[in-house]
Amino acid sequence: MINIAVIGAGIIGLSTAVNIQNRLPNATVTVIADKFEKDTTSYGAGGLIRPTYRHIKGDKVVLKRWCNASWEYFSGLSKGGRSSESGVFHLGGYVVSEQEQNDELCDSTVLNVRELSEEEKRRKGFNQAHSYFFSTLGISPPKYLTFLMKEFREKGGTVIFQTVVSLKEFVGKYDIVVTCCGLRAKELLNDDGIFPVQGHTVRVFAPWLKQWYMNTDTDTYLIPHKFTFNTSVIILSILSKFTFYTSVSLHLILRFNGEVVLGGCRKKGDYSLDIDEDLCNDIMRRCEELCPEIKGAKVVRNWVGLRPTREPVRIEKELKNFDGKKLKVVHNYGHGANGISLSWGTAVDAAQLVYDWANDMQFTSKL
């Protein structure tokens, strides 16, 4: 039986681990990390699927394939009755800018992109040169992380809390190691190409906001989070105690949980995890200018995180040598600001690389 370790328990790491289990159901897969759930960068992400070539560097054909694969997976969760469990939902919203937004990656991923008429702009109060509306997918990262971990464990995966100092630790213990370690790649893999892009968000309670808003000129956005609530479960649980009912009308109602994520900023090379109160106040100001409806919303919490960015994202195999002993490694890190949009697509490719390594090992052993 092949023994595989995945370093990292953010959305990239857990997505990769689950995909490896799908490709190699008989393998033993272990996730090793020292940060889980709320301690990961993934936890605080805005969670809106809106990939753009502006913030992702690399082969455009490959990037589009990754984003489309992620969309198909997330859309399947939403349409397949797992929206409430996974935290994935459909959401419409607006982009405003002084510049024309003509991004093939975004347009080929999301749904129903259209530019607003002058009358629509007037009614919404947008005064920028260009305004657009489209539908996309939103993901609630806290819920989605829990969902991925549950999937991983139900498929037989195990988890170890450990700070990895060197890949040398895995020689002789694991057949294949997958690095989904984000910024830790700098020290673990001597990769000087990885760097942080610091981001701040402010979460407010504003249940009246039903659509997302974004100004690409100022990197400002508002993203409401919602979940699915199946009223039929409540109805049936109550009525099952009685014998007089003959039929029940079943229906699904989408409800917002009230939290709206406000952002943002992109501070390249800044490693600080200290919350900048002045920046948070500036985010509030910009969001109120973009969407006056948000004025008066109560602040729930401020958050700061570091987006692990590499140009391009690193997805490849590598055979490492430690004192003459070989270690098969697959890399999957550096997704930056579009981590969720790329996550499932890159995980599929990383799992394929692991599958290729495993096939080589099995072929060699038969010889």
Protein backbone atom coordinates (compact mmCIF):
# COMPACT_ATOMS: atom_id res chain seq x y z
CA MET A 1 0.00 0.00 0.00
CA ILE A 2 1.34 3.43 -0.99
CA ASN A 3 1.85 5.91 1.85
CA ILE A 4 1.30 9.57 0.92
CA ALA A 5 1.73 12.73 2.98
CA VAL A 6 0.18 16.10 2.16
CA ILE A 7 1.78 19.11 3.88
CA GLY A 8 -0.80 21.83 4.50
CA ALA A 9 -4.42 21.90 5.68
CA GLY A 10 -5.79 24.96 3.90
CA ILE A 11 -8.21 24.69 1.01
CA ILE A 12 -5.36 23.77 -1.39
CA GLY A 13 -3.99 21.03 0.86
CA LEU A 14 -7.35 19.45 1.72
CA SER A 15 -8.59 19.65 -1.89
CA THR A 16 -5.41 17.90 -3.01
CA ALA A 17 -5.70 15.22 -0.32
CA VAL A 18 -9.31 14.43 -1.31
CA ASN A 19 -8.40 14.26 -4.99
CA ILE A 20 -5.53 11.87 -4.23
CA GLN A 21 -8.00 9.65 -2.37
CA ASN A 22 -10.28 9.74 -5.42
CA ARG A 23 -7.44 8.73 -7.76
CA LEU A 24 -5.80 6.21 -5.42
CA PRO A 25 -8.55 4.83 -3.13
CA ASN A 26 -6.26 2.13 -1.72
CA ALA A 27 -3.49 4.53 -0.72
CA THR A 28 -2.93 5.76 2.83
CA VAL A 29 -3.16 9.55 2.82
CA THR A 30 -2.10 11.73 5.76
CA VAL A 31 -2.47 15.51 6.07
CA ILE A 32 0.32 17.06 8.11
CA ALA A 33 0.10 20.69 9.25
CA ASP A 34 0.50 23.03 12.20
CA LYS A 35 -2.38 25.31 11.17
CA PHE A 36 -5.97 24.20 10.74
CA GLU A 37 -9.29 25.89 10.00
CA LYS A 38 -9.35 29.40 11.55
CA ASP A 39 -5.55 29.57 11.67
CA THR A 40 -5.21 29.11 7.89
CA THR A 41 -5.17 31.89 5.32
CA SER A 42 -8.07 30.13 3.58
CA TYR A 43 -10.37 30.75 6.55
CA GLY A 44 -10.48 34.52 6.06
CA ALA A 45 -10.80 34.61 2.26
CA GLY A 46 -13.63 36.56 0.67
CA GLY A 47 -14.69 33.45 -1.22
CA LEU A 48 -15.97 34.95 -4.48
CA ILE A 49 -15.21 33.12 -7.73
CA ARG A 50 -13.93 35.86 -10.02
CA PRO A 51 -10.60 34.80 -11.52
CA THR A 52 -8.70 37.32 -13.63
CA TYR A 53 -5.45 37.22 -15.58
CA ARG A 54 -4.62 40.48 -13.82
CA HIS A 55 -3.84 38.62 -10.60
CA ILE A 56 -2.74 35.21 -11.97
CA LYS A 57 0.39 34.73 -14.06
CA GLY A 58 1.06 31.66 -16.16
CA ASP A 59 -0.10 29.71 -19.18
CA LYS A 60 -3.54 31.14 -20.00
CA VAL A 61 -4.86 27.87 -21.40
CA VAL A 62 -3.87 25.98 -18.25
CA LEU A 63 -5.25 28.68 -15.96
CA LYS A 64 -8.57 28.60 -17.78
CA ARG A 65 -8.70 24.80 -17.50
CA TRP A 66 -8.03 24.96 -13.76
CA CYS A 67 -10.71 27.61 -13.19
CA ASN A 68 -13.27 25.77 -15.29
CA ALA A 69 -12.60 22.53 -13.41
CA SER A 70 -13.05 24.34 -10.09
CA TRP A 71 -16.28 25.93 -11.31
CA GLU A 72 -17.71 22.57 -12.40
CA TYR A 73 -16.91 21.06 -9.02
CA PHE A 74 -18.29 23.95 -6.95
CA SER A 75 -21.36 24.28 -9.17
CA GLY A 76 -21.95 20.55 -8.74
CA LEU A 77 -21.95 20.97 -4.97
CA SER A 78 -24.43 23.81 -5.23
CA LYS A 79 -26.76 22.03 -7.65
CA GLY A 80 -26.35 18.60 -6.08
CA GLY A 81 -28.04 19.38 -2.78
CA ARG A 82 -24.81 19.93 -0.85
CA SER A 83 -24.87 23.72 -0.74
CA SER A 84 -25.71 23.95 2.96
CA GLU A 85 -23.09 21.37 3.89
CA SER A 86 -20.29 22.78 1.74
CA GLY A 87 -21.03 26.50 2.01
CA VAL A 88 -21.16 26.97 -1.79
CA PHE A 89 -23.88 29.20 -3.26
CA HIS A 90 -24.79 31.21 -6.36
CA LEU A 91 -24.64 34.99 -6.05
CA GLY A 92 -25.11 37.92 -8.42
CA GLY A 93 -23.31 41.23 -8.19
CA TYR A 94 -21.69 44.27 -9.74
CA VAL A 95 -18.23 45.34 -10.89
CA VAL A 96 -17.48 49.03 -11.47
CA SER A 97 -14.35 50.58 -12.96
CA GLU A 98 -13.04 53.49 -14.98
CA GLN A 99 -11.41 50.89 -17.22
CA GLU A 100 -13.22 48.50 -19.53
CA GLN A 101 -13.31 45.02 -17.99
CA ASN A 102 -12.50 42.56 -20.73
CA ASP A 103 -10.93 39.55 -19.04
CA GLU A 104 -11.29 36.29 -20.93
CA LEU A 105 -10.57 34.18 -17.83
CA CYS A 106 -13.38 35.77 -15.84
CA ASP A 107 -15.81 35.85 -18.75
CA SER A 108 -15.26 32.17 -19.54
CA THR A 109 -15.76 31.12 -15.91
CA VAL A 110 -18.71 33.09 -14.52
CA LEU A 111 -22.26 33.42 -15.89
CA ASN A 112 -24.20 36.06 -17.80
CA VAL A 113 -21.68 38.89 -17.90
CA ARG A 114 -23.23 42.08 -19.24
CA GLU A 115 -22.52 45.81 -19.12
CA LEU A 116 -25.15 47.98 -17.49
CA SER A 117 -27.08 50.57 -19.45
CA GLU A 118 -26.82 54.25 -18.53
CA GLU A 119 -30.25 54.05 -16.95
CA GLU A 120 -29.25 51.03 -14.83
CA LYS A 121 -26.08 52.84 -13.73
CA ARG A 122 -28.12 55.88 -12.72
CA ARG A 123 -30.57 53.80 -10.71
CA LYS A 124 -27.73 52.00 -8.90
CA GLY A 125 -25.84 55.23 -8.28
CA PHE A 126 -22.72 54.13 -10.17
CA ASN A 127 -20.74 57.01 -11.69
CA GLN A 128 -17.75 55.03 -13.04
CA ALA A 129 -17.25 54.77 -16.80
CA HIS A 130 -18.03 51.03 -16.85
CA SER A 131 -20.39 48.93 -14.73
CA TYR A 132 -21.13 45.23 -15.12
CA PHE A 133 -23.39 42.60 -13.64
CA PHE A 134 -22.83 38.84 -13.57
CA SER A 135 -23.65 35.73 -11.57
CA THR A 136 -20.98 33.64 -9.93
CA LEU A 137 -20.35 31.29 -7.04
CA GLY A 138 -19.61 32.28 -3.47
CA ILE A 139 -17.89 30.02 -0.98
CA SER A 140 -17.99 30.39 2.80
CA PRO A 141 -14.41 29.30 3.64
CA PRO A 142 -15.06 28.26 7.28
CA LYS A 143 -17.86 25.98 6.17
CA TYR A 144 -16.01 24.68 3.14
CA LEU A 145 -12.89 23.83 5.17
CA THR A 146 -15.04 21.79 7.55
CA PHE A 147 -16.69 20.09 4.58
CA LEU A 148 -13.35 19.15 3.00
CA MET A 149 -11.97 17.79 6.27
CA LYS A 150 -15.09 15.69 6.77
CA GLU A 151 -14.78 14.30 3.23
CA PHE A 152 -11.11 13.52 3.81
CA ARG A 153 -11.72 11.70 7.08
CA GLU A 154 -14.69 9.76 5.76
CA LYS A 155 -12.48 8.45 2.97
CA GLY A 156 -10.07 7.09 5.58
CA GLY A 157 -7.62 9.99 5.77
CA THR A 158 -5.64 10.76 8.90
CA VAL A 159 -4.38 14.06 10.28
CA ILE A 160 -1.17 14.87 12.16
CA PHE A 161 -0.47 18.16 13.91
CA GLN A 162 3.20 18.81 13.22
CA THR A 163 5.49 21.64 12.20
CA VAL A 164 7.57 20.34 9.31
CA VAL A 165 11.17 21.51 9.49
CA SER A 166 12.61 19.58 6.54
CA LEU A 167 11.35 17.17 3.90
CA LYS A 168 14.17 14.93 5.02
CA GLU A 169 11.88 13.92 7.91
CA PHE A 170 9.70 12.02 5.44
CA VAL A 171 12.40 9.86 3.86
CA GLY A 172 11.63 6.22 4.58
CA LYS A 173 8.26 7.09 6.13
CA TYR A 174 6.26 8.13 3.06
CA ASP A 175 6.47 7.06 -0.55
CA ILE A 176 5.27 10.41 -1.92
CA VAL A 177 5.06 13.84 -0.30
CA VAL A 178 2.86 16.65 -1.62
CA THR A 179 3.75 20.22 -0.68
CA CYS A 180 0.73 22.53 -0.27
CA CYS A 181 2.65 24.61 2.22
CA GLY A 182 2.11 28.15 0.94
CA LEU A 183 4.69 30.62 2.21
CA ARG A 184 6.55 27.85 4.05
CA ALA A 185 7.90 26.83 0.63
CA LYS A 186 10.48 29.58 1.00
CA GLU A 187 12.24 27.78 3.85
CA LEU A 188 11.19 24.18 3.23
CA LEU A 189 12.01 24.17 -0.48
CA ASN A 190 14.38 27.15 -0.77
CA ASP A 191 11.91 28.70 -3.19
CA ASP A 192 12.64 32.42 -3.45
CA GLY A 193 9.80 32.77 -5.95
CA ILE A 194 7.12 32.59 -3.26
CA PHE A 195 6.05 35.86 -1.63
CA PRO A 196 3.15 37.20 0.46
CA VAL A 197 0.47 39.61 -0.65
CA GLN A 198 -1.06 40.88 2.55
CA GLY A 199 -4.82 41.36 2.70
CA HIS A 200 -7.16 42.88 5.26
CA THR A 201 -10.90 42.24 5.56
CA VAL A 202 -13.61 43.65 7.78
CA ARG A 203 -16.64 41.50 8.53
CA VAL A 204 -19.86 43.33 9.30
CA PHE A 205 -23.39 42.25 10.11
CA ALA A 206 -25.63 43.47 7.28
CA PRO A 207 -28.34 40.88 6.51
CA TRP A 208 -30.10 43.33 4.20
CA LEU A 209 -27.31 43.17 1.60
CA LYS A 210 -28.14 40.49 -1.00
CA GLN A 211 -25.60 41.13 -3.79
CA TRP A 212 -21.84 41.57 -4.00
CA TYR A 213 -20.11 44.77 -5.16
CA MET A 214 -16.59 45.39 -6.43
CA ASN A 215 -14.54 48.39 -7.59
CA THR A 216 -11.48 47.05 -9.40
CA ASP A 217 -9.81 50.47 -9.50
CA THR A 218 -9.53 50.63 -5.72
CA ASP A 219 -9.52 46.87 -4.88
CA THR A 220 -12.71 47.38 -2.89
CA TYR A 221 -15.36 44.68 -2.47
CA LEU A 222 -18.38 43.62 -0.43
CA ILE A 223 -19.37 39.94 -0.41
CA PRO A 224 -22.42 38.73 1.55
CA HIS A 225 -22.35 35.14 2.73
CA LYS A 226 -25.39 32.92 2.75
CA PHE A 227 -26.33 29.32 3.39
CA THR A 228 -29.15 27.01 2.35
CA PHE A 229 -31.83 26.19 4.88
CA ASN A 230 -34.06 23.23 4.15
CA THR A 231 -37.41 24.01 5.77
CA SER A 232 -38.72 20.58 4.82
CA VAL A 233 -36.44 19.01 7.43
CA ILE A 234 -38.05 21.13 10.16
CA ILE A 235 -41.55 20.50 8.82
CA LEU A 236 -41.10 16.75 8.65
CA SER A 237 -39.42 16.51 12.05
CA ILE A 238 -42.42 18.26 13.62
CA LEU A 239 -45.22 16.64 11.65
CA SER A 240 -43.78 13.16 11.98
CA LYS A 241 -44.97 13.26 15.59
CA PHE A 242 -48.57 13.49 14.41
CA THR A 243 -50.73 11.22 12.29
CA PHE A 244 -53.27 13.63 10.86
CA TYR A 245 -51.27 15.10 7.98
CA THR A 246 -51.50 13.63 4.49
CA SER A 247 -49.01 15.68 2.49
CA VAL A 248 -46.25 18.20 3.03
CA SER A 249 -45.05 20.85 0.59
CA LEU A 250 -41.28 20.66 0.42
CA HIS A 251 -39.20 23.66 -0.60
CA LEU A 252 -35.74 25.16 -0.27
CA ILE A 253 -35.17 28.73 0.85
CA LEU A 254 -31.89 30.59 0.52
CA ARG A 255 -31.10 32.75 3.53
CA PHE A 256 -28.19 35.05 4.24
CA ASN A 257 -26.38 34.54 7.52
CA GLY A 258 -25.95 38.30 7.80
CA GLU A 259 -22.18 38.55 7.55
CA VAL A 260 -20.66 40.60 4.74
CA VAL A 261 -16.94 40.49 3.98
CA LEU A 262 -15.48 43.91 3.17
CA GLY A 263 -12.08 44.42 1.57
CA GLY A 264 -9.50 44.92 0.61
CA CYS A 265 -5.84 45.58 -0.03
CA ARG A 266 -2.89 43.96 -1.81
CA LYS A 267 0.40 44.70 -0.03
CA LYS A 268 3.04 42.73 -1.87
CA GLY A 269 5.96 41.51 0.24
CA ASP A 270 4.39 42.50 3.59
CA TYR A 271 4.71 39.66 6.13
CA SER A 272 2.94 41.47 8.98
CA LEU A 273 -0.05 39.78 10.57
CA ASP A 274 -0.87 42.80 12.73
CA ILE A 275 -4.27 44.34 12.07
CA ASP A 276 -3.94 47.87 10.72
CA GLU A 277 -6.86 49.80 12.22
CA ASP A 278 -6.34 52.76 9.88
CA LEU A 279 -6.50 50.43 6.88
CA CYS A 280 -9.66 48.78 8.24
CA ASN A 281 -11.25 52.21 8.62
CA ASP A 282 -10.24 53.01 5.05
CA ILE A 283 -11.83 49.77 3.85
CA MET A 284 -15.06 50.76 5.59
CA ARG A 285 -14.94 54.21 3.98
CA ARG A 286 -14.36 52.82 0.48
CA CYS A 287 -17.10 50.21 0.88
CA GLU A 288 -19.58 52.84 2.05
CA GLU A 289 -18.76 54.93 -1.01
CA LEU A 290 -19.26 51.95 -3.30
CA CYS A 291 -22.39 50.69 -1.54
CA PRO A 292 -24.05 53.25 0.78
CA GLU A 293 -26.43 50.48 1.96
CA ILE A 294 -23.63 49.22 4.19
CA LYS A 295 -23.55 52.37 6.33
CA GLY A 296 -24.44 51.67 9.93
CA ALA A 297 -23.53 47.97 9.76
CA LYS A 298 -22.01 46.62 12.97
CA VAL A 299 -18.41 45.43 12.70
CA VAL A 300 -18.09 41.76 13.70
CA ARG A 301 -14.31 41.43 13.41
CA ASN A 302 -11.24 42.52 11.49
CA TRP A 303 -8.87 40.02 9.87
CA VAL A 304 -5.47 40.02 8.20
CA GLY A 305 -3.89 37.25 6.13
CA LEU A 306 -1.02 36.59 3.75
CA ARG A 307 -1.84 35.28 0.29
CA PRO A 308 0.97 32.86 -0.75
CA THR A 309 1.81 34.02 -4.27
CA ARG A 310 4.08 32.57 -6.91
CA GLU A 311 4.34 33.47 -10.59
CA PRO A 312 3.48 31.01 -11.93
CA VAL A 313 1.72 28.66 -9.50
CA ARG A 314 3.96 25.66 -8.92
CA ILE A 315 2.42 22.33 -9.96
CA GLU A 316 5.11 19.78 -10.76
CA LYS A 317 6.95 16.62 -9.73
CA GLU A 318 10.42 16.63 -8.22
CA LEU A 319 12.73 13.84 -7.11
CA LYS A 320 14.59 15.05 -4.02
CA ASN A 321 17.86 13.57 -2.81
CA PHE A 322 18.74 13.44 0.90
CA ASP A 323 22.10 11.81 1.67
CA GLY A 324 21.67 9.48 -1.29
CA LYS A 325 18.09 8.58 -0.41
CA LYS A 326 15.35 9.56 -2.86
CA LEU A 327 12.02 11.18 -2.01
CA LYS A 328 9.25 11.62 -4.56
CA VAL A 329 7.63 15.05 -4.21
CA VAL A 330 4.70 16.79 -5.89
CA HIS A 331 4.35 20.56 -5.51
CA ASN A 332 1.06 22.49 -5.43
CA TYR A 333 1.36 26.01 -4.02
CA GLY A 334 1.52 29.72 -4.78
CA HIS A 335 -2.10 30.37 -5.79
CA GLY A 336 -2.26 33.92 -4.44
CA ALA A 337 -5.49 35.93 -4.50
CA ASN A 338 -7.30 33.38 -6.68
CA GLY A 339 -6.66 30.38 -4.47
CA ILE A 340 -10.26 29.22 -4.20
CA SER A 341 -10.95 29.79 -7.91
CA LEU A 342 -7.95 27.61 -8.80
CA SER A 343 -8.10 25.16 -5.90
CA TRP A 344 -10.00 22.19 -7.28
CA GLY A 345 -8.49 22.38 -10.76
CA THR A 346 -4.91 22.45 -9.48
CA ALA A 347 -5.72 19.70 -6.97
CA VAL A 348 -6.92 17.47 -9.82
CA ASP A 349 -3.62 18.01 -11.65
CA ALA A 350 -1.52 17.48 -8.51
CA ALA A 351 -3.39 14.25 -7.78
CA GLN A 352 -2.67 13.09 -11.33
CA LEU A 353 1.06 13.69 -10.74
CA VAL A 354 0.84 11.64 -7.54
CA TYR A 355 -0.98 8.92 -9.50
CA ASP A 356 1.81 8.93 -12.09
CA TRP A 357 4.47 8.53 -9.35
CA ALA A 358 2.44 5.69 -7.80
CA ASN A 359 2.10 3.91 -11.15
CA ASP A 360 5.86 4.17 -11.71
CA MET A 361 6.47 2.64 -8.27
CA GLN A 362 4.08 -0.24 -8.89
CA PHE A 363 5.57 -0.91 -12.31
CA THR A 364 9.10 -0.90 -10.88
CA SER A 365 8.15 -3.26 -8.05
CA LYS A 366 6.69 -5.74 -10.55
CA LEU A 367 9.96 -5.75 -12.46
